[in-house]
Amino acid sequence: MHPLTLPAARGWHWLADGFRLFRQNHLMLTFLIVSYWMLMALVNVIPWIGTIASTLCIPAFSVSLMNACRNIEAGRPLAPPLLFSGFQSNLRSLLTLGAIYLVTTLAILALSALADDGALLRLMLAGQKPEEASVTDGSLLFATQIALALLCPLMMAYWYAPVLAAWHGFSPAKALFFSFFACARNWRAFLVYSLAILVVATLVPGLLLGILAAMLPDGAGLMTVLAMVLVVLVLAPTLFASFYVSYRDVFVASEADA
């Protein structure tokens, strides 16, 4: 399997095609994603164990949502049990991917602690508010920049890895390698994709909220909350669907060509 190298414009089409896929079965896809969020929130209530368990299960749940998107594209129905379908194929590799992600993320946060004495680490793991000194002297910002720079290649390695492990039987190492390689080859498309998400997630909601504030000055607060909830319930499923579209373009098309 060799990933294709796509033109930069495909990055915009991933988001647009993801929205079209979402529209085909918007209610059930939104239901599955909200159910996933609620389940993860409940598990995370358990101190330490909940965080570890939820992180280990992220790849399997990612595959479940990709299964939902694949069913939508194929015209097959969606049902609530589909949320756990990702646990039915190559689960050992998926849990291994979750473990690698957990350990690597902790290592990155530990490295960032060298810049701010652990302020970012405590904020991310324990929700502890950083001291004012770390904010004013810029050490927290510097630590955040270090973490983001190191998280970028990690996200590239994990972008397609769960699907490659579950759908193609790749080992964790092979899935991580192919995912990183595919993202690196398509960095132009991913750059356009990121910019498209930025525009849709910021400019469009801002314009919508501005219009609501002008039309309903007395009820602006309530309408703002309702509008943001609506935006999230549309944007989140669209993003998940766009993840599937990008996989289909990069890998499925290359298989067809081969």
C-alpha atoms as a PDB file:
ATOM      1  CA  MET A   1       0.000   0.000   0.000  1.00  0.00           C
ATOM      2  CA  HIS A   2       1.434   3.358  -1.081  1.00  0.00           C
ATOM      3  CA  PRO A   3      -0.343   6.593  -0.147  1.00  0.00           C
ATOM      4  CA  LEU A   4      -1.042   9.034  -2.934  1.00  0.00           C
ATOM      5  CA  THR A   5       0.335  12.567  -3.036  1.00  0.00           C
ATOM      6  CA  LEU A   6      -2.647  14.856  -3.561  1.00  0.00           C
ATOM      7  CA  PRO A   7      -2.784  18.509  -4.681  1.00  0.00           C
ATOM      8  CA  ALA A   8      -3.190  21.217  -2.069  1.00  0.00           C
ATOM      9  CA  ALA A   9      -6.780  21.930  -3.129  1.00  0.00           C
ATOM     10  CA  ARG A  10      -7.864  18.507  -1.868  1.00  0.00           C
ATOM     11  CA  GLY A  11      -7.545  19.843   1.670  1.00  0.00           C
ATOM     12  CA  TRP A  12     -10.587  22.050   1.150  1.00  0.00           C
ATOM     13  CA  HIS A  13     -12.507  19.229  -0.513  1.00  0.00           C
ATOM     14  CA  TRP A  14     -11.927  16.994   2.519  1.00  0.00           C
ATOM     15  CA  LEU A  15     -13.887  19.411   4.665  1.00  0.00           C
ATOM     16  CA  ALA A  16     -16.559  20.071   2.031  1.00  0.00           C
ATOM     17  CA  ASP A  17     -17.025  16.360   1.288  1.00  0.00           C
ATOM     18  CA  GLY A  18     -17.095  15.671   5.009  1.00  0.00           C
ATOM     19  CA  PHE A  19     -20.018  18.066   5.356  1.00  0.00           C
ATOM     20  CA  ARG A  20     -21.829  16.371   2.480  1.00  0.00           C
ATOM     21  CA  LEU A  21     -21.262  12.995   4.131  1.00  0.00           C
ATOM     22  CA  PHE A  22     -22.571  14.365   7.432  1.00  0.00           C
ATOM     23  CA  ARG A  23     -25.726  15.646   5.762  1.00  0.00           C
ATOM     24  CA  GLN A  24     -26.592  12.148   4.493  1.00  0.00           C
ATOM     25  CA  ASN A  25     -27.233  10.882   8.026  1.00  0.00           C
ATOM     26  CA  HIS A  26     -26.697  13.847  10.316  1.00  0.00           C
ATOM     27  CA  LEU A  27     -28.877  12.693  13.200  1.00  0.00           C
ATOM     28  CA  MET A  28     -27.262   9.304  13.837  1.00  0.00           C
ATOM     29  CA  LEU A  29     -23.710  10.510  13.220  1.00  0.00           C
ATOM     30  CA  THR A  30     -24.228  13.362  15.680  1.00  0.00           C
ATOM     31  CA  PHE A  31     -25.805  10.933  18.145  1.00  0.00           C
ATOM     32  CA  LEU A  32     -22.805   8.596  17.958  1.00  0.00           C
ATOM     33  CA  ILE A  33     -20.311  11.424  18.466  1.00  0.00           C
ATOM     34  CA  VAL A  34     -22.202  12.958  21.402  1.00  0.00           C
ATOM     35  CA  SER A  35     -22.534   9.486  22.952  1.00  0.00           C
ATOM     36  CA  TYR A  36     -18.776   9.033  22.550  1.00  0.00           C
ATOM     37  CA  TRP A  37     -18.115  12.361  24.283  1.00  0.00           C
ATOM     38  CA  MET A  38     -20.451  11.537  27.162  1.00  0.00           C
ATOM     39  CA  LEU A  39     -18.944   8.080  27.639  1.00  0.00           C
ATOM     40  CA  MET A  40     -15.412   9.463  27.685  1.00  0.00           C
ATOM     41  CA  ALA A  41     -16.454  12.184  30.153  1.00  0.00           C
ATOM     42  CA  LEU A  42     -17.946   9.578  32.498  1.00  0.00           C
ATOM     43  CA  VAL A  43     -14.824   7.416  32.345  1.00  0.00           C
ATOM     44  CA  ASN A  44     -12.569  10.415  32.966  1.00  0.00           C
ATOM     45  CA  VAL A  45     -14.382  11.112  36.228  1.00  0.00           C
ATOM     46  CA  ILE A  46     -12.418   8.221  37.744  1.00  0.00           C
ATOM     47  CA  PRO A  47      -9.086   9.715  38.917  1.00  0.00           C
ATOM     48  CA  TRP A  48      -6.015   8.556  36.984  1.00  0.00           C
ATOM     49  CA  ILE A  49      -7.510   5.198  35.968  1.00  0.00           C
ATOM     50  CA  GLY A  50     -10.218   6.941  33.943  1.00  0.00           C
ATOM     51  CA  THR A  51      -7.690   9.054  32.057  1.00  0.00           C
ATOM     52  CA  ILE A  52      -5.532   6.040  31.260  1.00  0.00           C
ATOM     53  CA  ALA A  53      -8.494   3.878  30.201  1.00  0.00           C
ATOM     54  CA  SER A  54     -10.030   6.574  27.993  1.00  0.00           C
ATOM     55  CA  THR A  55      -6.707   7.270  26.256  1.00  0.00           C
ATOM     56  CA  LEU A  56      -6.154   3.571  25.569  1.00  0.00           C
ATOM     57  CA  CYS A  57      -9.611   3.348  23.990  1.00  0.00           C
ATOM     58  CA  ILE A  58      -9.341   6.435  21.755  1.00  0.00           C
ATOM     59  CA  PRO A  59      -8.004   4.502  18.700  1.00  0.00           C
ATOM     60  CA  ALA A  60     -10.799   1.916  18.934  1.00  0.00           C
ATOM     61  CA  PHE A  61     -13.484   4.594  19.213  1.00  0.00           C
ATOM     62  CA  SER A  62     -11.885   6.430  16.288  1.00  0.00           C
ATOM     63  CA  VAL A  63     -12.303   3.302  14.194  1.00  0.00           C
ATOM     64  CA  SER A  64     -15.940   3.048  15.339  1.00  0.00           C
ATOM     65  CA  LEU A  65     -16.669   6.543  14.036  1.00  0.00           C
ATOM     66  CA  MET A  66     -14.833   5.802  10.801  1.00  0.00           C
ATOM     67  CA  ASN A  67     -16.992   2.672  10.472  1.00  0.00           C
ATOM     68  CA  ALA A  68     -20.020   4.936  10.777  1.00  0.00           C
ATOM     69  CA  CYS A  69     -18.748   7.239   8.037  1.00  0.00           C
ATOM     70  CA  ARG A  70     -17.980   4.278   5.780  1.00  0.00           C
ATOM     71  CA  ASN A  71     -21.506   2.955   6.335  1.00  0.00           C
ATOM     72  CA  ILE A  72     -22.985   6.325   5.420  1.00  0.00           C
ATOM     73  CA  GLU A  73     -21.007   6.450   2.179  1.00  0.00           C
ATOM     74  CA  ALA A  74     -22.062   2.893   1.314  1.00  0.00           C
ATOM     75  CA  GLY A  75     -25.724   3.661   2.061  1.00  0.00           C
ATOM     76  CA  ARG A  76     -25.862   1.284   4.999  1.00  0.00           C
ATOM     77  CA  PRO A  77     -27.861   2.178   8.141  1.00  0.00           C
ATOM     78  CA  LEU A  78     -26.325   3.364  11.400  1.00  0.00           C
ATOM     79  CA  ALA A  79     -27.246   1.992  14.815  1.00  0.00           C
ATOM     80  CA  PRO A  80     -26.075   2.776  18.386  1.00  0.00           C
ATOM     81  CA  PRO A  81     -24.058  -0.492  18.740  1.00  0.00           C
ATOM     82  CA  LEU A  82     -21.826   0.784  15.936  1.00  0.00           C
ATOM     83  CA  LEU A  83     -20.146   2.989  18.557  1.00  0.00           C
ATOM     84  CA  PHE A  84     -18.340  -0.117  19.852  1.00  0.00           C
ATOM     85  CA  SER A  85     -17.627  -1.708  16.478  1.00  0.00           C
ATOM     86  CA  GLY A  86     -14.010  -0.526  16.599  1.00  0.00           C
ATOM     87  CA  PHE A  87     -13.336  -2.964  19.432  1.00  0.00           C
ATOM     88  CA  GLN A  88     -14.120  -5.940  17.190  1.00  0.00           C
ATOM     89  CA  SER A  89     -11.103  -5.888  14.866  1.00  0.00           C
ATOM     90  CA  ASN A  90      -7.404  -6.006  15.760  1.00  0.00           C
ATOM     91  CA  LEU A  91      -8.150  -4.706  19.272  1.00  0.00           C
ATOM     92  CA  ARG A  92      -4.712  -5.594  20.601  1.00  0.00           C
ATOM     93  CA  SER A  93      -3.016  -3.319  18.077  1.00  0.00           C
ATOM     94  CA  LEU A  94      -5.494  -0.521  18.773  1.00  0.00           C
ATOM     95  CA  LEU A  95      -4.892  -0.705  22.527  1.00  0.00           C
ATOM     96  CA  THR A  96      -1.162  -0.736  21.842  1.00  0.00           C
ATOM     97  CA  LEU A  97      -1.553   2.427  19.771  1.00  0.00           C
ATOM     98  CA  GLY A  98      -3.437   4.014  22.662  1.00  0.00           C
ATOM     99  CA  ALA A  99      -0.665   3.046  25.073  1.00  0.00           C
ATOM    100  CA  ILE A 100       2.039   4.450  22.787  1.00  0.00           C
ATOM    101  CA  TYR A 101       0.057   7.678  22.431  1.00  0.00           C
ATOM    102  CA  LEU A 102      -0.314   7.976  26.216  1.00  0.00           C
ATOM    103  CA  VAL A 103       3.360   7.352  26.963  1.00  0.00           C
ATOM    104  CA  THR A 104       4.554   9.652  24.164  1.00  0.00           C
ATOM    105  CA  THR A 105       2.246  12.479  25.237  1.00  0.00           C
ATOM    106  CA  LEU A 106       3.452  12.192  28.832  1.00  0.00           C
ATOM    107  CA  ALA A 107       7.063  12.258  27.609  1.00  0.00           C
ATOM    108  CA  ILE A 108       6.378  15.416  25.574  1.00  0.00           C
ATOM    109  CA  LEU A 109       4.753  17.126  28.566  1.00  0.00           C
ATOM    110  CA  ALA A 110       7.711  16.067  30.723  1.00  0.00           C
ATOM    111  CA  LEU A 111      10.112  17.669  28.231  1.00  0.00           C
ATOM    112  CA  SER A 112       8.051  20.858  28.226  1.00  0.00           C
ATOM    113  CA  ALA A 113       8.390  20.938  32.021  1.00  0.00           C
ATOM    114  CA  LEU A 114      12.047  21.865  31.555  1.00  0.00           C
ATOM    115  CA  ALA A 115      10.870  25.264  30.310  1.00  0.00           C
ATOM    116  CA  ASP A 116       8.205  26.123  32.910  1.00  0.00           C
ATOM    117  CA  ASP A 117       8.940  23.908  35.923  1.00  0.00           C
ATOM    118  CA  GLY A 118       5.977  21.681  35.104  1.00  0.00           C
ATOM    119  CA  ALA A 119       3.232  24.322  34.942  1.00  0.00           C
ATOM    120  CA  LEU A 120       1.847  23.014  31.639  1.00  0.00           C
ATOM    121  CA  LEU A 121       2.209  19.401  32.819  1.00  0.00           C
ATOM    122  CA  ARG A 122       0.188  20.093  35.973  1.00  0.00           C
ATOM    123  CA  LEU A 123      -2.407  22.030  33.988  1.00  0.00           C
ATOM    124  CA  MET A 124      -2.957  19.227  31.469  1.00  0.00           C
ATOM    125  CA  LEU A 125      -2.886  16.287  33.876  1.00  0.00           C
ATOM    126  CA  ALA A 126      -4.402  17.703  37.066  1.00  0.00           C
ATOM    127  CA  GLY A 127      -6.165  20.834  35.877  1.00  0.00           C
ATOM    128  CA  GLN A 128      -4.021  22.883  38.245  1.00  0.00           C
ATOM    129  CA  LYS A 129      -4.053  26.579  37.457  1.00  0.00           C
ATOM    130  CA  PRO A 130      -0.547  27.801  36.524  1.00  0.00           C
ATOM    131  CA  GLU A 131       1.172  30.289  38.774  1.00  0.00           C
ATOM    132  CA  GLU A 132       1.056  33.897  37.663  1.00  0.00           C
ATOM    133  CA  ALA A 133       4.846  34.049  37.410  1.00  0.00           C
ATOM    134  CA  SER A 134       4.955  31.335  34.741  1.00  0.00           C
ATOM    135  CA  VAL A 135       2.412  33.306  32.712  1.00  0.00           C
ATOM    136  CA  THR A 136       4.020  36.718  33.015  1.00  0.00           C
ATOM    137  CA  ASP A 137       7.578  35.607  32.313  1.00  0.00           C
ATOM    138  CA  GLY A 138       6.538  33.710  29.185  1.00  0.00           C
ATOM    139  CA  SER A 139       7.765  30.315  30.376  1.00  0.00           C
ATOM    140  CA  LEU A 140       4.300  28.747  30.081  1.00  0.00           C
ATOM    141  CA  LEU A 141       3.969  30.037  26.522  1.00  0.00           C
ATOM    142  CA  PHE A 142       7.407  28.705  25.637  1.00  0.00           C
ATOM    143  CA  ALA A 143       6.581  25.306  27.135  1.00  0.00           C
ATOM    144  CA  THR A 144       3.334  25.240  25.146  1.00  0.00           C
ATOM    145  CA  GLN A 145       5.229  25.989  21.944  1.00  0.00           C
ATOM    146  CA  ILE A 146       7.652  23.138  22.668  1.00  0.00           C
ATOM    147  CA  ALA A 147       4.771  20.738  23.328  1.00  0.00           C
ATOM    148  CA  LEU A 148       2.952  21.752  20.136  1.00  0.00           C
ATOM    149  CA  ALA A 149       6.091  21.358  18.035  1.00  0.00           C
ATOM    150  CA  LEU A 150       6.613  17.831  19.377  1.00  0.00           C
ATOM    151  CA  LEU A 151       2.914  16.908  19.204  1.00  0.00           C
ATOM    152  CA  CYS A 152       2.739  17.738  15.487  1.00  0.00           C
ATOM    153  CA  PRO A 153       4.743  14.681  14.306  1.00  0.00           C
ATOM    154  CA  LEU A 154       2.885  12.575  16.866  1.00  0.00           C
ATOM    155  CA  MET A 155      -0.457  13.606  15.370  1.00  0.00           C
ATOM    156  CA  MET A 156       0.879  12.859  11.892  1.00  0.00           C
ATOM    157  CA  ALA A 157       1.789   9.344  13.013  1.00  0.00           C
ATOM    158  CA  TYR A 158      -1.644   8.802  14.561  1.00  0.00           C
ATOM    159  CA  TRP A 159      -3.844  10.416  11.907  1.00  0.00           C
ATOM    160  CA  TYR A 160      -4.453   7.217   9.929  1.00  0.00           C
ATOM    161  CA  ALA A 161      -2.877   4.659  12.268  1.00  0.00           C
ATOM    162  CA  PRO A 162      -6.074   3.314  13.938  1.00  0.00           C
ATOM    163  CA  VAL A 163      -7.803   2.736  10.592  1.00  0.00           C
ATOM    164  CA  LEU A 164      -4.719   1.122   9.072  1.00  0.00           C
ATOM    165  CA  ALA A 165      -4.448  -1.207  12.075  1.00  0.00           C
ATOM    166  CA  ALA A 166      -8.143  -2.137  12.174  1.00  0.00           C
ATOM    167  CA  TRP A 167      -9.055  -2.246   8.481  1.00  0.00           C
ATOM    168  CA  HIS A 168      -5.774  -3.434   6.980  1.00  0.00           C
ATOM    169  CA  GLY A 169      -4.292  -5.478   9.831  1.00  0.00           C
ATOM    170  CA  PHE A 170      -1.140  -3.369  10.118  1.00  0.00           C
ATOM    171  CA  SER A 171       1.042  -3.760  13.186  1.00  0.00           C
ATOM    172  CA  PRO A 172       1.186  -0.654  15.413  1.00  0.00           C
ATOM    173  CA  ALA A 173       4.675   0.276  14.193  1.00  0.00           C
ATOM    174  CA  LYS A 174       3.737  -0.176  10.528  1.00  0.00           C
ATOM    175  CA  ALA A 175       0.499   1.779  10.963  1.00  0.00           C
ATOM    176  CA  LEU A 176       2.320   4.672  12.638  1.00  0.00           C
ATOM    177  CA  PHE A 177       4.986   4.723   9.913  1.00  0.00           C
ATOM    178  CA  PHE A 178       2.525   4.693   7.010  1.00  0.00           C
ATOM    179  CA  SER A 179       0.356   7.346   8.656  1.00  0.00           C
ATOM    180  CA  PHE A 180       3.316   9.685   9.201  1.00  0.00           C
ATOM    181  CA  PHE A 181       4.570   9.065   5.683  1.00  0.00           C
ATOM    182  CA  ALA A 182       1.132   9.763   4.178  1.00  0.00           C
ATOM    183  CA  CYS A 183       0.739  13.022   6.104  1.00  0.00           C
ATOM    184  CA  ALA A 184       4.258  14.139   5.205  1.00  0.00           C
ATOM    185  CA  ARG A 185       3.648  13.474   1.495  1.00  0.00           C
ATOM    186  CA  ASN A 186       0.416  15.478   1.633  1.00  0.00           C
ATOM    187  CA  TRP A 187       1.544  18.381   3.798  1.00  0.00           C
ATOM    188  CA  ARG A 188       0.204  20.909   1.272  1.00  0.00           C
ATOM    189  CA  ALA A 189      -3.278  19.401   1.373  1.00  0.00           C
ATOM    190  CA  PHE A 190      -3.151  19.258   5.176  1.00  0.00           C
ATOM    191  CA  LEU A 191      -2.102  22.899   5.321  1.00  0.00           C
ATOM    192  CA  VAL A 192      -5.102  23.942   3.221  1.00  0.00           C
ATOM    193  CA  TYR A 193      -7.294  21.608   5.288  1.00  0.00           C
ATOM    194  CA  SER A 194      -6.122  23.259   8.520  1.00  0.00           C
ATOM    195  CA  LEU A 195      -6.766  26.728   7.120  1.00  0.00           C
ATOM    196  CA  ALA A 196     -10.240  25.665   5.973  1.00  0.00           C
ATOM    197  CA  ILE A 197     -11.057  24.384   9.462  1.00  0.00           C
ATOM    198  CA  LEU A 198      -9.767  27.630  10.968  1.00  0.00           C
ATOM    199  CA  VAL A 199     -12.004  29.687   8.699  1.00  0.00           C
ATOM    200  CA  VAL A 200     -15.087  27.534   9.240  1.00  0.00           C
ATOM    201  CA  ALA A 201     -14.571  27.220  13.004  1.00  0.00           C
ATOM    202  CA  THR A 202     -13.864  30.906  13.680  1.00  0.00           C
ATOM    203  CA  LEU A 203     -15.079  33.248  10.954  1.00  0.00           C
ATOM    204  CA  VAL A 204     -18.414  31.549  10.287  1.00  0.00           C
ATOM    205  CA  PRO A 205     -19.459  31.308  13.978  1.00  0.00           C
ATOM    206  CA  GLY A 206     -18.231  34.866  14.547  1.00  0.00           C
ATOM    207  CA  LEU A 207     -20.326  36.151  11.667  1.00  0.00           C
ATOM    208  CA  LEU A 208     -23.352  34.180  12.896  1.00  0.00           C
ATOM    209  CA  LEU A 209     -23.002  35.506  16.444  1.00  0.00           C
ATOM    210  CA  GLY A 210     -22.577  39.051  15.165  1.00  0.00           C
ATOM    211  CA  ILE A 211     -25.806  38.829  13.191  1.00  0.00           C
ATOM    212  CA  LEU A 212     -27.682  37.394  16.192  1.00  0.00           C
ATOM    213  CA  ALA A 213     -26.350  40.101  18.492  1.00  0.00           C
ATOM    214  CA  ALA A 214     -27.506  42.803  16.070  1.00  0.00           C
ATOM    215  CA  MET A 215     -30.942  41.275  15.566  1.00  0.00           C
ATOM    216  CA  LEU A 216     -31.615  40.253  19.185  1.00  0.00           C
ATOM    217  CA  PRO A 217     -29.720  42.597  21.510  1.00  0.00           C
ATOM    218  CA  ASP A 218     -31.802  41.671  24.586  1.00  0.00           C
ATOM    219  CA  GLY A 219     -31.431  37.906  24.213  1.00  0.00           C
ATOM    220  CA  ALA A 220     -27.889  37.896  22.852  1.00  0.00           C
ATOM    221  CA  GLY A 221     -26.491  35.795  25.713  1.00  0.00           C
ATOM    222  CA  LEU A 222     -28.908  32.902  25.363  1.00  0.00           C
ATOM    223  CA  MET A 223     -28.806  32.998  21.585  1.00  0.00           C
ATOM    224  CA  THR A 224     -25.017  32.976  21.672  1.00  0.00           C
ATOM    225  CA  VAL A 225     -24.996  29.790  23.734  1.00  0.00           C
ATOM    226  CA  LEU A 226     -27.580  28.117  21.496  1.00  0.00           C
ATOM    227  CA  ALA A 227     -25.706  29.169  18.357  1.00  0.00           C
ATOM    228  CA  MET A 228     -22.403  27.811  19.664  1.00  0.00           C
ATOM    229  CA  VAL A 229     -24.015  24.481  20.568  1.00  0.00           C
ATOM    230  CA  LEU A 230     -25.485  24.290  17.069  1.00  0.00           C
ATOM    231  CA  VAL A 231     -22.123  25.090  15.484  1.00  0.00           C
ATOM    232  CA  VAL A 232     -20.383  22.377  17.536  1.00  0.00           C
ATOM    233  CA  LEU A 233     -23.050  19.792  16.669  1.00  0.00           C
ATOM    234  CA  VAL A 234     -22.498  20.503  12.979  1.00  0.00           C
ATOM    235  CA  LEU A 235     -18.755  21.113  12.942  1.00  0.00           C
ATOM    236  CA  ALA A 236     -17.694  18.092  15.027  1.00  0.00           C
ATOM    237  CA  PRO A 237     -19.454  15.444  12.877  1.00  0.00           C
ATOM    238  CA  THR A 238     -18.218  17.231   9.761  1.00  0.00           C
ATOM    239  CA  LEU A 239     -14.644  16.989  11.024  1.00  0.00           C
ATOM    240  CA  PHE A 240     -14.965  13.286  11.822  1.00  0.00           C
ATOM    241  CA  ALA A 241     -16.440  12.686   8.371  1.00  0.00           C
ATOM    242  CA  SER A 242     -13.600  14.690   6.794  1.00  0.00           C
ATOM    243  CA  PHE A 243     -11.075  12.410   8.539  1.00  0.00           C
ATOM    244  CA  TYR A 244     -12.649   9.495   6.696  1.00  0.00           C
ATOM    245  CA  VAL A 245     -12.693  11.392   3.393  1.00  0.00           C
ATOM    246  CA  SER A 246      -8.973  12.147   3.678  1.00  0.00           C
ATOM    247  CA  TYR A 247      -8.232   8.463   4.344  1.00  0.00           C
ATOM    248  CA  ARG A 248     -10.364   7.436   1.364  1.00  0.00           C
ATOM    249  CA  ASP A 249      -8.561   9.876  -0.926  1.00  0.00           C
ATOM    250  CA  VAL A 250      -5.045   9.003   0.194  1.00  0.00           C
ATOM    251  CA  PHE A 251      -5.245   5.234   0.664  1.00  0.00           C
ATOM    252  CA  VAL A 252      -8.358   3.804  -0.986  1.00  0.00           C
ATOM    253  CA  ALA A 253      -7.668   5.666  -4.231  1.00  0.00           C
ATOM    254  CA  SER A 254      -4.090   4.391  -4.246  1.00  0.00           C
ATOM    255  CA  GLU A 255      -5.349   0.820  -3.864  1.00  0.00           C
ATOM    256  CA  ALA A 256      -7.717   1.318  -6.811  1.00  0.00           C
ATOM    257  CA  ASP A 257      -4.864   2.678  -8.930  1.00  0.00           C
ATOM    258  CA  ALA A 258      -2.690  -0.259  -7.990  1.00  0.00           C
END
